[in-house]
Protein backbone atom coordinates (compact mmCIF):
# COMPACT_ATOMS: atom_id res chain seq x y z
CA UNK A 1 0.00 0.02 0.05
CA UNK A 2 1.17 3.63 0.60
CA UNK A 3 4.47 4.57 2.17
CA UNK A 4 3.83 5.41 5.92
CA UNK A 5 5.50 8.48 7.26
CA UNK A 6 5.01 10.25 10.62
CA UNK A 7 2.46 13.15 10.37
CA UNK A 8 3.70 16.71 10.81
CA UNK A 9 2.08 18.55 13.62
CA UNK A 10 2.92 22.02 15.09
CA UNK A 11 5.18 21.58 18.00
CA UNK A 12 2.81 23.51 20.37
CA UNK A 13 0.01 20.91 19.51
CA UNK A 14 2.32 18.04 20.13
CA UNK A 15 3.23 19.58 23.44
CA UNK A 16 -0.39 20.11 24.41
CA UNK A 17 -1.36 16.52 23.87
CA UNK A 18 1.94 15.17 25.35
CA UNK A 19 1.12 17.04 28.52
CA UNK A 20 -1.95 14.80 28.70
CA UNK A 21 0.01 11.77 28.04
CA UNK A 22 -1.13 11.36 24.42
CA UNK A 23 1.33 10.69 21.43
CA UNK A 24 -0.42 12.58 18.85
CA UNK A 25 1.59 11.37 15.85
CA UNK A 26 1.16 7.75 16.93
CA UNK A 27 -2.57 8.36 17.46
CA UNK A 28 -2.99 9.76 13.99
CA UNK A 29 -1.49 7.07 11.83
CA UNK A 30 -5.04 7.38 10.25
CA UNK A 31 -6.56 4.67 12.39
CA UNK A 32 -7.06 0.98 11.54
CA UNK A 33 -9.21 1.58 8.40
CA UNK A 34 -6.95 4.26 7.28
CA UNK A 35 -3.87 2.05 7.78
CA UNK A 36 -5.61 -0.79 5.66
CA UNK A 37 -6.22 1.67 2.85
CA UNK A 38 -2.67 3.16 3.03
CA UNK A 39 -3.69 6.56 4.10
CA UNK A 40 -0.77 8.75 5.11
CA UNK A 41 -1.09 11.93 7.12
CA UNK A 42 1.48 14.33 5.80
CA UNK A 43 0.59 17.71 7.55
CA UNK A 44 -1.85 18.52 10.28
CA UNK A 45 -3.05 21.61 11.97
CA UNK A 46 -6.45 23.16 12.57
CA UNK A 47 -5.96 25.32 9.50
CA UNK A 48 -4.93 22.59 6.95
CA UNK A 49 -4.61 18.74 6.98
CA UNK A 50 -2.95 16.87 4.15
CA UNK A 51 -2.95 13.23 3.45
CA UNK A 52 -2.36 10.83 0.68
CA UNK A 53 -3.77 7.41 -0.41
CA UNK A 54 -2.78 4.94 -3.04
CA UNK A 55 -5.38 4.09 -5.75
CA UNK A 56 -4.03 0.53 -5.85
CA UNK A 57 -5.98 -1.62 -3.49
CA UNK A 58 -8.81 1.00 -3.13
CA UNK A 59 -10.58 0.41 -6.34
CA UNK A 60 -14.13 -0.74 -7.43
CA UNK A 61 -14.78 -3.50 -9.90
CA UNK A 62 -14.16 -1.27 -13.01
CA UNK A 63 -10.54 -0.48 -11.71
CA UNK A 64 -11.35 3.11 -10.60
CA UNK A 65 -10.74 4.61 -7.26
CA UNK A 66 -13.69 3.61 -5.06
CA UNK A 67 -15.90 6.50 -4.06
CA UNK A 68 -15.91 5.05 -0.50
CA UNK A 69 -12.21 5.26 -0.42
CA UNK A 70 -12.34 8.92 -1.21
CA UNK A 71 -14.92 9.34 1.58
CA UNK A 72 -12.66 7.51 4.10
CA UNK A 73 -9.65 9.81 3.05
CA UNK A 74 -12.02 12.90 3.38
CA UNK A 75 -13.61 11.86 6.79
CA UNK A 76 -10.09 11.13 8.10
CA UNK A 77 -8.63 14.55 7.12
CA UNK A 78 -11.59 16.53 8.19
CA UNK A 79 -11.81 14.84 11.59
CA UNK A 80 -8.26 15.50 12.29
CA UNK A 81 -8.67 19.14 11.48
CA UNK A 82 -11.84 19.17 13.74
CA UNK A 83 -10.02 17.42 16.56
CA UNK A 84 -7.17 19.85 16.44
CA UNK A 85 -9.56 22.81 16.25
CA UNK A 86 -11.39 21.36 19.41
CA UNK A 87 -8.18 20.96 21.26
CA UNK A 88 -7.35 18.38 23.88
CA UNK A 89 -10.50 18.90 25.83
CA UNK A 90 -12.80 17.91 22.91
CA UNK A 91 -13.41 14.90 20.86
CA UNK A 92 -14.68 15.20 17.06
CA UNK A 93 -17.45 13.02 15.98
CA UNK A 94 -18.53 13.15 12.27
CA UNK A 95 -22.18 13.86 11.86
CA UNK A 96 -22.28 14.74 8.07
CA UNK A 97 -20.24 13.83 5.07
CA UNK A 98 -20.98 14.43 1.39
CA UNK A 99 -18.73 13.68 -1.49
CA UNK A 100 -18.96 14.81 -5.14
CA UNK A 101 -16.84 12.56 -7.47
CA UNK A 102 -15.57 14.41 -10.47
CA UNK A 103 -13.37 11.99 -12.30
CA UNK A 104 -11.99 8.55 -12.17
CA UNK A 105 -8.55 7.58 -11.31
CA UNK A 106 -7.00 4.19 -12.15
CA UNK A 107 -3.54 4.36 -10.61
CA UNK A 108 -1.12 6.42 -8.56
CA UNK A 109 -1.60 8.34 -5.47
CA UNK A 110 -4.40 10.80 -4.57
CA UNK A 111 -3.91 13.67 -2.19
CA UNK A 112 -6.50 15.30 0.05
CA UNK A 113 -6.31 18.72 1.53
CA UNK A 114 -8.83 19.68 4.25
CA UNK A 115 -9.42 23.34 5.04
CA UNK A 116 -11.87 24.74 7.60
CA UNK A 117 -15.16 26.31 6.36
CA UNK A 118 -16.60 26.85 9.93
CA UNK A 119 -14.85 26.43 13.22
CA UNK A 120 -17.28 27.01 16.07
CA UNK A 121 -17.47 25.81 19.75
CA UNK A 122 -19.77 22.79 19.05
CA UNK A 123 -19.21 22.01 15.40
CA UNK A 124 -16.50 22.25 12.76
CA UNK A 125 -16.87 21.89 9.03
CA UNK A 126 -14.01 21.11 6.63
CA UNK A 127 -13.96 21.17 2.76
CA UNK A 128 -11.65 18.42 1.54
CA UNK A 129 -10.28 18.51 -1.98
CA UNK A 130 -8.95 15.31 -3.37
CA UNK A 131 -6.68 15.57 -6.42
CA UNK A 132 -4.69 13.15 -8.53
CA UNK A 133 -0.92 13.26 -9.29
CA UNK A 134 -1.56 15.63 -12.08
CA UNK A 135 -3.36 17.95 -9.66
CA UNK A 136 -6.74 17.37 -11.34
CA UNK A 137 -9.63 17.38 -8.88
CA UNK A 138 -11.15 13.93 -8.26
CA UNK A 139 -13.47 14.55 -5.42
CA UNK A 140 -14.79 17.44 -3.38
CA UNK A 141 -16.17 16.57 0.15
CA UNK A 142 -17.54 18.46 3.06
CA UNK A 143 -17.41 16.99 6.59
CA UNK A 144 -19.02 18.40 9.65
CA UNK A 145 -18.05 17.11 13.16
CA UNK A 146 -19.65 17.60 16.47
CA UNK A 147 -17.33 18.67 19.14
CA UNK A 148 -18.01 16.79 22.34
CA UNK A 149 -16.38 17.14 25.77
CA UNK A 150 -13.52 14.49 25.91
CA UNK A 151 -14.09 12.06 28.72
CA UNK A 152 -12.16 12.97 31.89
CA UNK A 153 -9.53 10.58 33.06
CA UNK A 154 -10.81 8.41 36.13
CA UNK A 155 -9.48 9.57 39.37
CA UNK A 156 -7.12 7.10 41.16
């Protein structure tokens, strides 16, 4: 599948989560589904999240990138942006995802870039643009996440 690299986070965000005992780069390896699909998080902040995914292994019967694979990439990137916006005291839970598929891709790597449309106290919405290796738009997605209070650690 895809080449895995450690995600790039701003140092202040890594430090914020480290103070809570959370290894942020390890946490955001894209999760089990993302790992199976070869998703790699390249860059991550509340302002911009970038990730890649190979087409190979993520196709539908006609040999094209599966629309569901694009949805996984979009939800992963938008969720990371929402989580980083919410900070260490919130968790981001996806409540709405829509994807428009513009063109088929048969091989190579696709890249998704998530940027905020709305960042509020209780919700965050990100637009995710997925392009092929020729920078042609493959899919445009929008994800809205609910920002819920993170569970507090149990007292000893």
